[in-house]
Amino acid sequence: MANLYSVLSKRFLEQPGHIALDTGDQCWTYQQLHTLTGQIASWLAAMGLPRGSRLAAQVEKSPEALALYLATLRAGLTYVPLNTAYRPAEIEYFLENSAPAVFVCDPASFAALDPLARNKGVFQVVTLDAAGAGSLMDESGKHSADFVDVATEDSDLAAILYTSGTTGRSKGAMLSHRNLIANAETLNVYWGWTSDDVLLHMLPIFHIHGLFVACHGALLAGARMVWLPKLDVDQALQWLPECTLMMGVPTYYVRLLADRRFNESIIPKMRLFVSGSAPLLLETFESFQRQTGHTILERYGMSETGMLTSNPYLSAEGDRIGGTVGKALPGVQVRVVGDDGQVCGVHAVGHIQVTGPNVFAGYWQMPDKTREEFTVDGWFRTGDMGRWGGETSEGQPIPDDYLSIVGRSKDLIISGGYNVYPKEIELVIDAMQGVLESAVIGVPHPDFGEAVMAVVVAREGHELDDVAMIADLKTRLANYKIPKRICQVPELPRNAMGKVQKNILRERFATAS
C-alpha cells in the first residue's frame, strides 16, 4: 500500500488551484500546501534520518502545522503530536518514551524545552508559532519543494498517538499507514465527501478527531477547510453559511445552541453535523433537531482504532438515533462479550471488542500491555461497555445492529472532548502535603459533558485548602485535567477487596459540578 500522503494527495493534486485551507486572513491552495510539504520533507530528508524516525510536535494550530504533519508522512517518518496544554514535566516523558529525532515546539517554550529535549537525545529542535513563523520555516525554506514521497510498507508507522491508561502511564498507540488509509477511505465513502464540500474545522490537530477524521476526510476529497484555531461562536456563525460539514465535540454544539443567532436560516448549505470524542447528551441531540432541523450524526472511535461505528449518513440506511453510536462501519467488526469471553446476545451489556484494518498494531515499547489489550484471536479490547439494540429513554426500540455505549470499564473521564485519566491526577494529589489519599471522578456537566472532580481524605491533624491545592495543580498539569472542585471526605468507600468504589462517589457527587 502507498504512503498515506500519496493517497491523500492523489485526488487534490488533480485540482491544484482549489482552496485547501481558508483562515479568513489567507487562503491556501492545494498546490501551495503541496509545495510547503515538499520543502519541509526535503529538509527532513537532508538530515539523513533512518526511515521511521519520530518527529514530535507541540505546536499551535496553523496551516504550517498541518504541512509539518503531511511532510513527516512524505519523508517516511513517524509523527508524534502532543497536546499544546502539556507542561514541561509532561513533555519530558513523551520525549523520553518516543525518542524523537526531531522536536518542534512553540518559540515561547523553546528556552524551557530545548535543554530538556537535548538531554533526552533529540537531534534537532526547531520552532513554529501560531502565525506560522519560526526556525522550522526558516530552515525548510532553504530547501527544494521537489520531493518524491518515500515508499512505505503497510505496517510502517505513520503516527504515534499518546493515550493514557488507568495506571497513569501514557501509552503510545502505533498507527500504520494502512490503518489510517483504511479509515480515511471508508469514511470518505460512508459520509459522502466530495470536492465541493466546505468543512468548518475548529478542532485541535493534536487529536485523532481533528487531525485524522476531519483533515483526512477533506484532503482525500480535495475539499476546502475553514481553518479556525478553536471554537469561537462568533467566528462559527460567520462561516457556517458557507459550510457543508461541521465536526465537533458535544461542547461545540451546546455552545452554538445557547446563541440565539444559531438557527436553520444560517446553515443553508449544511449537509452534515458530526459529533464525537465524548458522549452526546440526548438533550443536546433533541434540542439541535428542534432548533435547526438537522440531526447530528454521532459516531464512535478511539485513538487506537480511528472510527469504528457511525449513525447512518443516508436515510435509506436507517435513522440517526440519539444515545447510540450507530452501526459498525464497512470493513470493521464489533462484538460485545461477557466477562466469560462469550459473545453477548442483543440487548445484553458487555465489553466492546473490535477488529479491522483500521485497528492499531499495539502500544509503543509496551509489548506486555499490547498482549493484555488484545484477545487470543486478535480482537482489541476497547475498555468500553456497550450493547446492541435495546430501547431509547422514551421506550422506542433501537435496531439490533445499532451500538450504544453504556459505560466504561476503565475510569476514563471525557471532559470537553479531552480524555482525562484519574490515576495521573491522583498521583499528583496524593503527593501533596496533608493528603492521605484521593479519588478523581467525572461528574455530569452541562457544557463539558463531564467535569473533573477530586475527592480527598486528609491526614490526621492536617487541614486542606482546596483553593491552594487547585492553584498548585495548575502548575503541574494541563488545564483540562484540573478538578473543577475538590471535596473532603473522612474516608473513601471501598469494597471487600479494598478497591475504592468510584461508582458510589459518582452517585454521591452527581450534582456537585
Protein backbone atom coordinates (compact mmCIF):
# COMPACT_ATOMS: atom_id res chain seq x y z
CA MET A 1 0.00 0.00 0.00
CA ALA A 2 1.20 3.53 -0.76
CA ASN A 3 2.40 6.23 1.58
CA LEU A 4 -0.61 7.86 3.28
CA TYR A 5 0.33 11.25 1.84
CA SER A 6 0.48 9.81 -1.68
CA VAL A 7 -3.07 8.51 -1.24
CA LEU A 8 -4.40 11.78 0.20
CA SER A 9 -2.71 13.93 -2.42
CA LYS A 10 -3.69 11.89 -5.47
CA ARG A 11 -7.13 13.48 -5.65
CA PHE A 12 -6.37 17.01 -4.52
CA LEU A 13 -3.43 17.35 -6.92
CA GLU A 14 -5.92 16.83 -9.75
CA GLN A 15 -7.21 20.31 -8.83
CA PRO A 16 -4.11 22.12 -7.53
CA GLY A 17 -5.76 25.54 -7.68
CA HIS A 18 -8.63 24.50 -5.43
CA ILE A 19 -8.61 26.10 -1.95
CA ALA A 20 -7.42 23.71 0.71
CA LEU A 21 -7.40 25.99 3.75
CA ASP A 22 -9.11 29.31 4.45
CA THR A 23 -8.10 31.06 7.66
CA GLY A 24 -10.12 34.17 6.94
CA ASP A 25 -6.89 36.15 6.53
CA GLN A 26 -5.33 33.88 3.93
CA CYS A 27 -6.31 31.14 1.51
CA TRP A 28 -4.00 28.23 0.75
CA THR A 29 -4.44 26.30 -2.46
CA TYR A 30 -3.66 22.60 -2.61
CA GLN A 31 -0.63 23.40 -4.75
CA GLN A 32 0.70 25.79 -2.11
CA LEU A 33 0.16 23.19 0.60
CA HIS A 34 1.90 20.55 -1.53
CA THR A 35 4.84 22.90 -2.17
CA LEU A 36 5.34 23.61 1.52
CA THR A 37 5.14 19.93 2.45
CA GLY A 38 7.79 19.27 -0.19
CA GLN A 39 10.17 21.84 1.29
CA ILE A 40 9.74 20.51 4.83
CA ALA A 41 10.12 16.91 3.64
CA SER A 42 13.31 17.87 1.79
CA TRP A 43 14.66 19.49 4.95
CA LEU A 44 13.89 16.34 6.93
CA ALA A 45 15.48 14.13 4.28
CA ALA A 46 18.64 16.23 4.33
CA MET A 47 19.25 15.15 7.94
CA GLY A 48 19.74 11.57 6.80
CA LEU A 49 17.43 10.17 9.45
CA PRO A 50 16.57 6.47 9.31
CA ARG A 51 13.12 5.70 7.93
CA GLY A 52 10.57 5.54 10.74
CA SER A 53 12.40 8.05 12.96
CA ARG A 54 9.98 10.01 15.10
CA LEU A 55 9.15 13.70 14.84
CA ALA A 56 7.36 15.06 17.91
CA ALA A 57 5.44 18.33 17.68
CA GLN A 58 3.85 20.53 20.33
CA VAL A 59 2.66 23.41 18.19
CA GLU A 60 -0.39 25.61 17.84
CA LYS A 61 -2.83 25.03 15.01
CA SER A 62 -1.83 26.70 11.75
CA PRO A 63 -1.63 25.79 8.03
CA GLU A 64 2.10 25.30 8.54
CA ALA A 65 1.44 22.85 11.39
CA LEU A 66 -0.74 20.76 9.09
CA ALA A 67 2.01 20.91 6.44
CA LEU A 68 4.51 19.68 9.04
CA TYR A 69 2.39 16.59 9.69
CA LEU A 70 1.96 15.88 5.98
CA ALA A 71 5.67 16.43 5.29
CA THR A 72 6.55 13.95 8.03
CA LEU A 73 4.45 11.35 6.22
CA ARG A 74 6.06 12.18 2.87
CA ALA A 75 9.53 11.76 4.36
CA GLY A 76 8.72 8.29 5.72
CA LEU A 77 8.97 9.42 9.33
CA THR A 78 6.54 8.92 12.21
CA TYR A 79 4.54 11.88 13.52
CA VAL A 80 4.00 12.27 17.29
CA PRO A 81 1.51 15.10 18.03
CA LEU A 82 1.49 16.42 21.58
CA ASN A 83 -1.28 18.36 23.30
CA THR A 84 -0.43 22.05 23.45
CA ALA A 85 -1.58 22.17 27.07
CA TYR A 86 1.13 19.79 28.30
CA ARG A 87 3.63 21.23 30.78
CA PRO A 88 7.41 20.61 30.53
CA ALA A 89 7.25 17.80 33.11
CA GLU A 90 4.69 16.02 30.94
CA ILE A 91 6.61 16.69 27.71
CA GLU A 92 9.72 15.15 29.27
CA TYR A 93 8.04 11.76 29.49
CA PHE A 94 6.85 11.81 25.88
CA LEU A 95 10.29 12.76 24.60
CA GLU A 96 11.92 10.05 26.66
CA ASN A 97 9.40 7.40 25.61
CA SER A 98 9.11 8.16 21.89
CA ALA A 99 12.80 9.14 21.48
CA PRO A 100 12.15 11.53 18.57
CA ALA A 101 14.96 12.64 16.31
CA VAL A 102 13.23 15.99 15.76
CA PHE A 103 11.14 18.06 18.15
CA VAL A 104 9.10 21.09 17.06
CA CYS A 105 7.79 23.46 19.72
CA ASP A 106 6.45 26.96 20.10
CA PRO A 107 9.13 29.69 20.21
CA ALA A 108 7.75 30.83 23.58
CA SER A 109 8.54 27.39 25.01
CA PHE A 110 11.93 26.95 23.38
CA ALA A 111 14.03 28.16 26.32
CA ALA A 112 12.42 25.63 28.65
CA LEU A 113 12.06 22.72 26.24
CA ASP A 114 15.27 22.85 24.19
CA PRO A 115 17.62 21.76 27.02
CA LEU A 116 15.06 19.17 28.14
CA ALA A 117 14.88 17.74 24.61
CA ARG A 118 18.65 17.77 24.14
CA ASN A 119 19.01 15.92 27.43
CA LYS A 120 16.71 13.22 26.04
CA GLY A 121 18.85 12.80 22.95
CA VAL A 122 16.75 14.76 20.45
CA PHE A 123 18.90 15.54 17.41
CA GLN A 124 17.15 18.67 16.17
CA VAL A 125 14.88 21.18 17.96
CA VAL A 126 13.10 23.84 15.91
CA THR A 127 10.18 26.20 16.47
CA LEU A 128 6.83 27.03 14.91
CA ASP A 129 4.29 29.52 16.27
CA ALA A 130 0.57 30.06 15.72
CA ALA A 131 1.28 32.57 12.94
CA GLY A 132 3.35 30.00 11.03
CA ALA A 133 6.70 31.58 11.84
CA GLY A 134 9.75 30.03 13.47
CA SER A 135 13.04 28.33 12.77
CA LEU A 136 11.25 25.40 11.11
CA MET A 137 10.07 27.70 8.34
CA ASP A 138 13.44 29.44 8.12
CA GLU A 139 15.30 26.15 7.70
CA SER A 140 12.83 24.37 5.41
CA GLY A 141 12.57 27.48 3.22
CA LYS A 142 16.14 26.85 2.08
CA HIS A 143 15.18 23.51 0.53
CA SER A 144 13.58 22.47 -2.74
CA ALA A 145 9.87 21.74 -2.98
CA ASP A 146 10.60 18.88 -5.37
CA PHE A 147 10.31 15.73 -3.31
CA VAL A 148 9.40 12.16 -4.14
CA ASP A 149 7.28 10.58 -1.40
CA VAL A 150 9.14 7.83 0.43
CA ALA A 151 7.67 4.43 -0.36
CA THR A 152 6.22 2.78 2.73
CA GLU A 153 5.03 -0.67 3.70
CA ASP A 154 1.55 -1.34 5.07
CA SER A 155 2.93 -1.82 8.57
CA ASP A 156 5.20 1.25 8.61
CA LEU A 157 4.17 3.69 11.32
CA ALA A 158 2.56 6.95 10.24
CA ALA A 159 1.87 8.26 13.74
CA ILE A 160 2.07 7.54 17.44
CA LEU A 161 -0.80 8.96 19.48
CA TYR A 162 -0.40 9.01 23.23
CA THR A 163 -3.38 7.89 25.25
CA SER A 164 -3.08 7.31 28.96
CA GLY A 165 -4.36 4.35 30.93
CA THR A 166 -5.68 3.90 34.43
CA THR A 167 -2.13 3.23 35.64
CA GLY A 168 -1.32 6.85 34.89
CA ARG A 169 1.44 5.93 32.43
CA SER A 170 0.77 7.23 28.92
CA LYS A 171 0.73 4.70 26.11
CA GLY A 172 1.74 5.40 22.51
CA ALA A 173 -0.79 3.91 20.08
CA MET A 174 1.11 2.89 16.94
CA LEU A 175 -0.90 3.72 13.82
CA SER A 176 0.35 2.50 10.46
CA HIS A 177 -0.13 3.99 7.02
CA ARG A 178 -2.54 1.12 6.32
CA ASN A 179 -4.59 1.85 9.46
CA LEU A 180 -5.10 5.49 8.53
CA ILE A 181 -5.67 4.91 4.82
CA ALA A 182 -8.32 2.27 5.52
CA ASN A 183 -10.26 4.53 7.87
CA ALA A 184 -9.99 7.61 5.65
CA GLU A 185 -11.21 5.77 2.57
CA THR A 186 -14.12 4.19 4.44
CA LEU A 187 -15.33 7.50 5.89
CA ASN A 188 -14.83 9.25 2.57
CA VAL A 189 -17.48 7.00 1.05
CA TYR A 190 -19.71 6.47 4.08
CA TRP A 191 -20.12 10.19 4.85
CA GLY A 192 -20.41 11.22 1.19
CA TRP A 193 -17.39 13.53 0.92
CA THR A 194 -16.90 15.46 -2.35
CA SER A 195 -14.55 18.19 -3.58
CA ASP A 196 -17.44 20.65 -3.29
CA ASP A 197 -17.59 20.25 0.48
CA VAL A 198 -16.56 23.03 2.85
CA LEU A 199 -15.63 21.80 6.32
CA LEU A 200 -15.81 24.06 9.37
CA HIS A 201 -12.65 22.93 11.20
CA MET A 202 -12.41 24.26 14.76
CA LEU A 203 -10.88 21.16 16.35
CA PRO A 204 -7.30 20.86 17.66
CA ILE A 205 -4.89 18.94 15.45
CA PHE A 206 -3.04 17.01 18.15
CA HIS A 207 -6.05 14.70 18.49
CA ILE A 208 -7.43 11.94 16.24
CA HIS A 209 -10.71 13.81 15.67
CA GLY A 210 -9.20 16.97 14.23
CA LEU A 211 -6.03 15.61 12.65
CA PHE A 212 -7.23 12.33 11.15
CA VAL A 213 -11.03 12.18 10.92
CA ALA A 214 -11.54 15.79 9.82
CA CYS A 215 -8.35 16.55 7.89
CA HIS A 216 -8.05 13.20 6.13
CA GLY A 217 -11.66 13.42 5.04
CA ALA A 218 -11.21 16.85 3.48
CA LEU A 219 -7.82 16.11 1.94
CA LEU A 220 -8.89 12.82 0.41
CA ALA A 221 -11.90 14.55 -1.15
CA GLY A 222 -9.97 17.63 -2.24
CA ALA A 223 -12.43 19.71 -0.20
CA ARG A 224 -11.96 23.12 1.40
CA MET A 225 -11.40 23.57 5.12
CA VAL A 226 -12.32 26.74 7.01
CA TRP A 227 -9.33 26.63 9.33
CA LEU A 228 -10.12 28.24 12.68
CA PRO A 229 -7.77 27.94 15.69
CA LYS A 230 -10.51 26.85 18.10
CA LEU A 231 -14.20 27.10 18.87
CA ASP A 232 -15.32 30.70 18.69
CA VAL A 233 -19.10 31.05 18.42
CA ASP A 234 -18.93 34.41 16.65
CA GLN A 235 -16.49 33.08 14.07
CA ALA A 236 -18.51 29.89 13.68
CA LEU A 237 -21.67 31.85 12.99
CA GLN A 238 -19.80 33.98 10.46
CA TRP A 239 -18.58 30.94 8.50
CA LEU A 240 -21.47 28.49 8.86
CA PRO A 241 -23.48 29.93 5.91
CA GLU A 242 -20.68 28.79 3.56
CA CYS A 243 -20.08 25.36 5.07
CA THR A 244 -21.46 21.95 4.18
CA LEU A 245 -19.94 19.98 7.09
CA MET A 246 -19.02 20.60 10.70
CA MET A 247 -17.25 18.28 13.11
CA GLY A 248 -17.13 18.97 16.81
CA VAL A 249 -17.22 17.63 20.32
CA PRO A 250 -20.55 17.92 22.20
CA THR A 251 -19.40 21.14 23.89
CA TYR A 252 -19.35 22.87 20.49
CA TYR A 253 -23.00 22.07 19.88
CA VAL A 254 -24.04 23.07 23.40
CA ARG A 255 -22.46 26.49 22.92
CA LEU A 256 -23.95 27.03 19.48
CA LEU A 257 -27.40 26.15 20.78
CA ALA A 258 -27.01 28.71 23.56
CA ASP A 259 -26.71 31.51 20.98
CA ARG A 260 -29.99 32.94 19.69
CA ARG A 261 -28.46 33.64 16.29
CA PHE A 262 -27.90 29.95 15.61
CA ASN A 263 -30.82 28.50 13.67
CA GLU A 264 -31.71 26.88 10.37
CA SER A 265 -31.50 30.13 8.44
CA ILE A 266 -27.71 30.45 8.74
CA ILE A 267 -26.89 26.92 7.59
CA PRO A 268 -28.44 26.80 4.10
CA LYS A 269 -25.65 24.62 2.62
CA MET A 270 -25.04 22.35 5.59
CA ARG A 271 -25.47 18.65 4.89
CA LEU A 272 -23.81 17.04 7.91
CA PHE A 273 -23.03 17.78 11.55
CA VAL A 274 -20.81 15.15 13.19
CA SER A 275 -20.22 14.78 16.93
CA GLY A 276 -17.65 12.64 18.66
CA SER A 277 -14.82 12.32 21.21
CA ALA A 278 -17.35 12.33 24.06
CA PRO A 279 -20.93 11.16 24.62
CA LEU A 280 -23.58 13.49 23.20
CA LEU A 281 -26.35 14.13 25.69
CA LEU A 282 -29.80 13.19 24.41
CA GLU A 283 -31.00 16.65 25.45
CA THR A 284 -28.43 18.26 23.13
CA PHE A 285 -29.32 15.85 20.30
CA GLU A 286 -33.03 16.67 20.54
CA SER A 287 -32.56 20.42 21.09
CA PHE A 288 -30.39 20.56 17.98
CA GLN A 289 -33.09 18.88 15.92
CA ARG A 290 -35.72 21.33 17.12
CA GLN A 291 -33.58 24.45 16.66
CA THR A 292 -32.01 23.66 13.29
CA GLY A 293 -33.99 20.91 11.60
CA HIS A 294 -30.74 18.89 11.35
CA THR A 295 -29.95 15.63 13.11
CA ILE A 296 -26.42 15.33 14.47
CA LEU A 297 -24.55 12.20 13.39
CA GLU A 298 -22.84 10.62 16.38
CA ARG A 299 -20.06 8.13 15.82
CA TYR A 300 -17.65 6.09 17.94
CA GLY A 301 -13.90 5.76 17.68
CA MET A 302 -10.67 5.68 19.64
CA SER A 303 -7.08 6.84 19.25
CA GLU A 304 -6.11 3.20 18.81
CA THR A 305 -8.61 2.45 16.06
CA GLY A 306 -9.89 5.51 14.28
CA MET A 307 -13.63 5.38 13.65
CA LEU A 308 -15.44 2.14 14.41
CA THR A 309 -19.17 2.84 14.16
CA SER A 310 -21.39 5.60 12.84
CA ASN A 311 -25.03 6.51 12.74
CA PRO A 312 -26.13 6.40 9.09
CA TYR A 313 -25.47 9.29 6.77
CA LEU A 314 -28.06 8.20 4.22
CA SER A 315 -31.64 7.96 5.46
CA ALA A 316 -32.11 4.84 3.31
CA GLU A 317 -29.66 3.06 5.64
CA GLY A 318 -31.57 3.97 8.80
CA ASP A 319 -32.30 6.78 11.22
CA ARG A 320 -29.81 8.62 13.38
CA ILE A 321 -30.81 7.67 16.88
CA GLY A 322 -29.83 9.78 19.87
CA GLY A 323 -27.95 7.92 22.57
CA THR A 324 -26.47 5.42 20.11
CA VAL A 325 -23.30 5.42 18.03
CA GLY A 326 -24.86 3.56 15.14
CA LYS A 327 -23.65 0.64 13.06
CA ALA A 328 -20.23 -0.90 12.53
CA LEU A 329 -18.51 0.84 9.61
CA PRO A 330 -17.76 -1.18 6.46
CA GLY A 331 -14.71 -3.36 7.00
CA VAL A 332 -14.92 -3.04 10.80
CA GLN A 333 -16.16 -5.84 13.05
CA VAL A 334 -17.54 -5.10 16.51
CA ARG A 335 -18.61 -7.61 19.13
CA VAL A 336 -19.93 -7.36 22.68
CA VAL A 337 -18.75 -10.08 25.06
CA GLY A 338 -19.46 -11.00 28.65
CA ASP A 339 -16.98 -11.39 31.48
CA ASP A 340 -16.65 -15.03 30.43
CA GLY A 341 -15.49 -14.01 26.96
CA GLN A 342 -18.64 -15.32 25.27
CA VAL A 343 -20.40 -13.14 22.71
CA CYS A 344 -23.49 -11.48 24.21
CA GLY A 345 -26.90 -11.58 22.64
CA VAL A 346 -28.63 -8.36 21.59
CA HIS A 347 -29.77 -6.10 24.44
CA ALA A 348 -27.15 -7.61 26.80
CA VAL A 349 -24.44 -5.32 28.18
CA GLY A 350 -20.84 -6.45 27.76
CA HIS A 351 -17.30 -5.48 26.82
CA ILE A 352 -16.82 -3.95 23.36
CA GLN A 353 -14.12 -5.58 21.23
CA VAL A 354 -13.16 -4.67 17.67
CA THR A 355 -11.08 -5.77 14.71
CA GLY A 356 -10.41 -4.42 11.24
CA PRO A 357 -7.73 -2.84 9.02
CA ASN A 358 -8.03 0.41 11.00
CA VAL A 359 -7.11 -1.17 14.34
CA PHE A 360 -3.61 -0.31 15.57
CA ALA A 361 -0.75 -2.78 15.94
CA GLY A 362 -0.10 -2.11 19.61
CA TYR A 363 1.49 0.27 22.09
CA TRP A 364 4.93 1.73 21.51
CA GLN A 365 7.58 -0.11 23.54
CA MET A 366 4.90 -1.85 25.62
CA PRO A 367 4.66 -5.45 24.36
CA ASP A 368 3.14 -6.70 27.62
CA LYS A 369 0.43 -4.04 27.54
CA THR A 370 -0.23 -4.81 23.88
CA ARG A 371 -0.73 -8.50 24.63
CA GLU A 372 -3.02 -7.62 27.52
CA GLU A 373 -5.26 -5.42 25.37
CA PHE A 374 -5.77 -7.97 22.57
CA THR A 375 -7.67 -11.22 22.77
CA VAL A 376 -6.14 -14.53 21.74
CA ASP A 377 -7.99 -14.33 18.43
CA GLY A 378 -6.74 -10.80 17.73
CA TRP A 379 -9.63 -8.51 18.77
CA PHE A 380 -8.83 -5.25 20.56
CA ARG A 381 -10.42 -4.72 23.96
CA THR A 382 -11.69 -1.14 23.87
CA GLY A 383 -12.37 -0.87 27.61
CA ASP A 384 -15.88 0.38 26.84
CA MET A 385 -19.11 -1.33 27.79
CA GLY A 386 -21.98 -1.47 25.35
CA ARG A 387 -24.97 -3.31 23.96
CA TRP A 388 -26.65 -3.94 20.64
CA GLY A 389 -30.23 -2.77 20.23
CA GLY A 390 -32.44 -2.09 23.23
CA GLU A 391 -34.68 0.92 23.50
CA THR A 392 -34.41 4.67 23.87
CA SER A 393 -35.20 6.53 27.09
CA GLU A 394 -38.67 7.14 25.64
CA GLY A 395 -39.18 3.41 25.19
CA GLN A 396 -38.71 3.37 21.42
CA PRO A 397 -36.97 0.27 20.06
CA ILE A 398 -33.39 0.58 18.78
CA PRO A 399 -32.44 -1.65 15.82
CA ASP A 400 -30.36 -4.65 16.79
CA ASP A 401 -27.40 -3.55 14.65
CA TYR A 402 -27.05 -0.19 16.46
CA LEU A 403 -24.47 0.03 19.24
CA SER A 404 -24.97 2.02 22.44
CA ILE A 405 -22.09 2.84 24.79
CA VAL A 406 -23.37 2.36 28.32
CA GLY A 407 -20.24 2.93 30.35
CA ARG A 408 -16.51 2.45 30.58
CA SER A 409 -14.77 -0.41 32.27
CA LYS A 410 -11.92 1.95 32.99
CA ASP A 411 -12.36 5.17 34.90
CA LEU A 412 -11.77 7.41 31.91
CA ILE A 413 -13.29 10.91 32.13
CA ILE A 414 -14.08 12.77 28.90
CA SER A 415 -14.32 16.50 29.56
CA GLY A 416 -14.95 18.82 26.64
CA GLY A 417 -13.76 16.12 24.24
CA TYR A 418 -10.45 15.54 26.04
CA ASN A 419 -9.57 12.28 27.73
CA VAL A 420 -8.73 12.68 31.42
CA TYR A 421 -7.24 9.73 33.28
CA PRO A 422 -7.89 9.85 37.04
CA LYS A 423 -4.81 7.97 38.15
CA GLU A 424 -2.48 10.60 36.72
CA ILE A 425 -4.18 13.34 38.74
CA GLU A 426 -4.49 11.18 41.85
CA LEU A 427 -0.74 10.56 41.87
CA VAL A 428 -0.11 14.32 41.97
CA ILE A 429 -2.74 14.99 44.64
CA ASP A 430 -1.61 12.10 46.83
CA ALA A 431 1.89 13.57 46.88
CA MET A 432 0.62 16.87 48.30
CA GLN A 433 1.33 17.69 51.92
CA GLY A 434 -1.50 16.70 54.23
CA VAL A 435 -3.23 14.37 51.74
CA LEU A 436 -3.78 10.78 52.79
CA GLU A 437 -5.46 9.61 49.59
CA SER A 438 -7.65 10.79 46.76
CA ALA A 439 -10.10 9.61 44.14
CA VAL A 440 -10.72 11.54 40.92
CA ILE A 441 -14.08 11.08 39.21
CA GLY A 442 -16.15 12.57 36.43
CA VAL A 443 -19.45 14.23 37.29
CA PRO A 444 -22.12 15.49 34.86
CA HIS A 445 -21.54 18.99 33.47
CA PRO A 446 -23.95 20.85 31.14
CA ASP A 447 -21.17 22.30 28.97
CA PHE A 448 -18.25 19.87 29.09
CA GLY A 449 -20.28 16.66 29.35
CA GLU A 450 -18.22 15.64 32.35
CA ALA A 451 -16.28 17.74 34.83
CA VAL A 452 -13.23 16.53 36.73
CA MET A 453 -13.72 16.34 40.48
CA ALA A 454 -11.34 15.19 43.22
CA VAL A 455 -12.47 13.61 46.46
CA VAL A 456 -9.72 13.70 49.08
CA VAL A 457 -9.02 12.40 52.57
CA ALA A 458 -6.76 14.49 54.80
CA ARG A 459 -4.06 13.04 57.01
CA GLU A 460 -4.86 13.12 60.69
CA GLY A 461 -4.14 16.53 62.16
CA HIS A 462 -3.96 18.29 58.77
CA GLU A 463 -6.31 20.82 57.19
CA LEU A 464 -6.52 21.05 53.42
CA ASP A 465 -7.09 24.23 51.42
CA ASP A 466 -8.86 23.24 48.19
CA VAL A 467 -8.20 26.63 46.54
CA ALA A 468 -4.47 26.33 47.20
CA MET A 469 -4.47 22.73 46.00
CA ILE A 470 -6.10 23.66 42.70
CA ALA A 471 -3.61 26.51 42.24
CA ASP A 472 -0.76 24.04 42.82
CA LEU A 473 -2.24 21.56 40.34
CA LYS A 474 -2.38 24.27 37.68
CA THR A 475 1.41 24.47 37.77
CA ARG A 476 1.78 20.73 37.22
CA LEU A 477 -0.96 19.62 34.85
CA ALA A 478 -2.72 20.74 31.69
CA ASN A 479 -5.76 22.93 32.39
CA TYR A 480 -8.32 20.38 31.18
CA LYS A 481 -7.07 17.95 33.84
CA ILE A 482 -7.58 20.38 36.73
CA PRO A 483 -10.51 19.44 39.04
CA LYS A 484 -13.38 21.90 39.00
CA ARG A 485 -13.89 21.07 42.66
CA ILE A 486 -12.04 19.31 45.46
CA CYS A 487 -14.23 17.86 48.18
CA GLN A 488 -13.04 16.47 51.51
CA VAL A 489 -14.45 13.28 52.99
CA PRO A 490 -13.46 11.36 56.14
CA GLU A 491 -12.84 8.17 54.13
CA LEU A 492 -13.28 6.71 50.65
CA PRO A 493 -15.86 3.95 50.13
CA ARG A 494 -14.26 0.56 49.46
CA ASN A 495 -15.42 -2.91 48.59
CA ALA A 496 -14.42 -6.10 50.35
CA MET A 497 -11.20 -6.27 48.32
CA GLY A 498 -10.23 -2.76 49.39
CA LYS A 499 -10.85 -1.17 45.98
CA VAL A 500 -12.27 2.35 46.01
CA GLN A 501 -15.87 2.28 44.78
CA LYS A 502 -15.92 5.22 42.43
CA ASN A 503 -19.45 4.41 41.32
CA ILE A 504 -20.62 5.35 44.82
CA LEU A 505 -18.66 8.60 44.69
CA ARG A 506 -20.11 9.44 41.27
CA GLU A 507 -23.63 8.91 42.61
CA ARG A 508 -22.94 10.94 45.75
CA PHE A 509 -21.44 13.90 43.91
CA ALA A 510 -23.51 13.72 40.70
CA THR A 511 -24.84 17.24 41.19
CA ALA A 512 -21.64 18.76 42.58
CA SER A 513 -20.34 20.40 39.38
